[in-house]
C-alpha cells in the first residue's frame, strides 16, 4: 500500500490513503493515518482543497473547515436539524 505523507499544522506526520475515500459534495475525503501501515486512523483530508482541518459529527457528517466541502450524514433525521 502506498500512502502520501503529509504534516499537520501541529507538525505531526500523517499518511493519506488516496485509494480509500468518502464522497463529499465538492470532492472526496481521503482517509488519513498516523502510521505508514494504515493501522491507526487519524481522520480525513479534503480532496477539494487539500486541508487536513476536517470535522466529523456523531451522525457521520464530515466537513472541511477551510473550504466547506461536506459529506452528508450516514443517517439523517429531521429531528436532528
Protein backbone atom coordinates (compact mmCIF):
# COMPACT_ATOMS: atom_id res chain seq x y z
CA UNK A 1 0.00 0.00 0.00
CA UNK A 2 1.40 3.38 -0.99
CA UNK A 3 0.38 6.36 1.14
CA UNK A 4 1.19 10.05 0.72
CA UNK A 5 2.98 11.58 3.70
CA UNK A 6 1.88 14.98 4.97
CA UNK A 7 2.34 17.16 8.03
CA UNK A 8 -0.44 18.63 10.18
CA UNK A 9 -0.50 22.24 11.40
CA UNK A 10 0.86 20.91 14.72
CA UNK A 11 3.85 19.32 12.97
CA UNK A 12 2.55 15.74 13.28
CA UNK A 13 3.46 13.35 10.43
CA UNK A 14 0.37 11.67 8.90
CA UNK A 15 -0.25 9.43 5.89
CA UNK A 16 -3.05 9.91 3.34
CA UNK A 17 -4.60 6.92 1.58
CA UNK A 18 -5.89 8.30 -1.73
CA UNK A 19 -7.43 4.95 -2.66
CA UNK A 20 -9.87 4.96 0.28
CA UNK A 21 -12.27 7.87 0.34
CA UNK A 22 -15.70 9.08 1.36
CA UNK A 23 -17.74 11.09 -1.14
CA UNK A 24 -18.04 14.83 -0.48
CA UNK A 25 -20.09 17.49 -2.26
CA UNK A 26 -17.03 19.30 -3.70
CA UNK A 27 -14.51 16.44 -3.67
CA UNK A 28 -13.63 13.25 -1.80
CA UNK A 29 -12.47 12.96 1.80
CA UNK A 30 -9.43 10.68 1.95
CA UNK A 31 -8.66 8.55 4.99
CA UNK A 32 -5.62 9.69 6.98
CA UNK A 33 -3.50 7.54 9.31
CA UNK A 34 -0.78 8.21 11.89
CA UNK A 35 1.38 5.39 10.56
CA UNK A 36 2.53 4.27 7.11
CA UNK A 37 0.99 0.81 7.67
CA UNK A 38 -2.51 2.36 7.92
CA UNK A 39 -3.21 0.72 11.27
CA UNK A 40 -4.06 3.84 13.31
CA UNK A 41 -6.70 6.07 11.74
CA UNK A 42 -6.24 9.80 12.34
CA UNK A 43 -9.05 11.48 10.35
CA UNK A 44 -9.70 12.81 6.87
CA UNK A 45 -8.05 15.00 4.25
CA UNK A 46 -10.22 17.16 2.00
CA UNK A 47 -9.82 16.26 -1.67
CA UNK A 48 -11.21 19.63 -2.74
CA UNK A 49 -8.65 21.92 -1.08
CA UNK A 50 -6.10 19.52 0.46
CA UNK A 51 -6.77 20.60 4.04
CA UNK A 52 -6.37 18.24 6.99
CA UNK A 53 -8.65 20.51 9.06
CA UNK A 54 -11.84 18.46 8.91
CA UNK A 55 -14.51 17.56 11.44
CA UNK A 56 -16.91 14.62 11.79
CA UNK A 57 -20.04 14.61 13.92
CA UNK A 58 -21.82 11.70 15.61
CA UNK A 59 -24.07 11.14 12.58
CA UNK A 60 -21.12 10.66 10.20
CA UNK A 61 -21.23 14.09 8.57
CA UNK A 62 -17.72 15.23 7.53
CA UNK A 63 -16.95 18.88 6.82
CA UNK A 64 -13.81 20.67 5.78
CA UNK A 65 -13.42 23.76 7.96
CA UNK A 66 -11.35 25.51 5.27
CA UNK A 67 -13.48 25.21 2.11
CA UNK A 68 -16.82 23.89 3.41
CA UNK A 69 -16.73 20.60 1.46
CA UNK A 70 -19.38 18.41 3.07
CA UNK A 71 -20.26 14.74 3.28
CA UNK A 72 -23.86 14.12 4.25
CA UNK A 73 -24.52 12.07 7.40
CA UNK A 74 -24.90 8.27 7.27
CA UNK A 75 -28.34 8.56 8.83
CA UNK A 76 -30.46 11.65 8.58
CA UNK A 77 -33.41 12.53 10.76
CA UNK A 78 -35.29 15.84 10.53
CA UNK A 79 -35.42 15.90 14.36
CA UNK A 80 -31.63 16.45 14.42
CA UNK A 81 -31.80 19.69 12.43
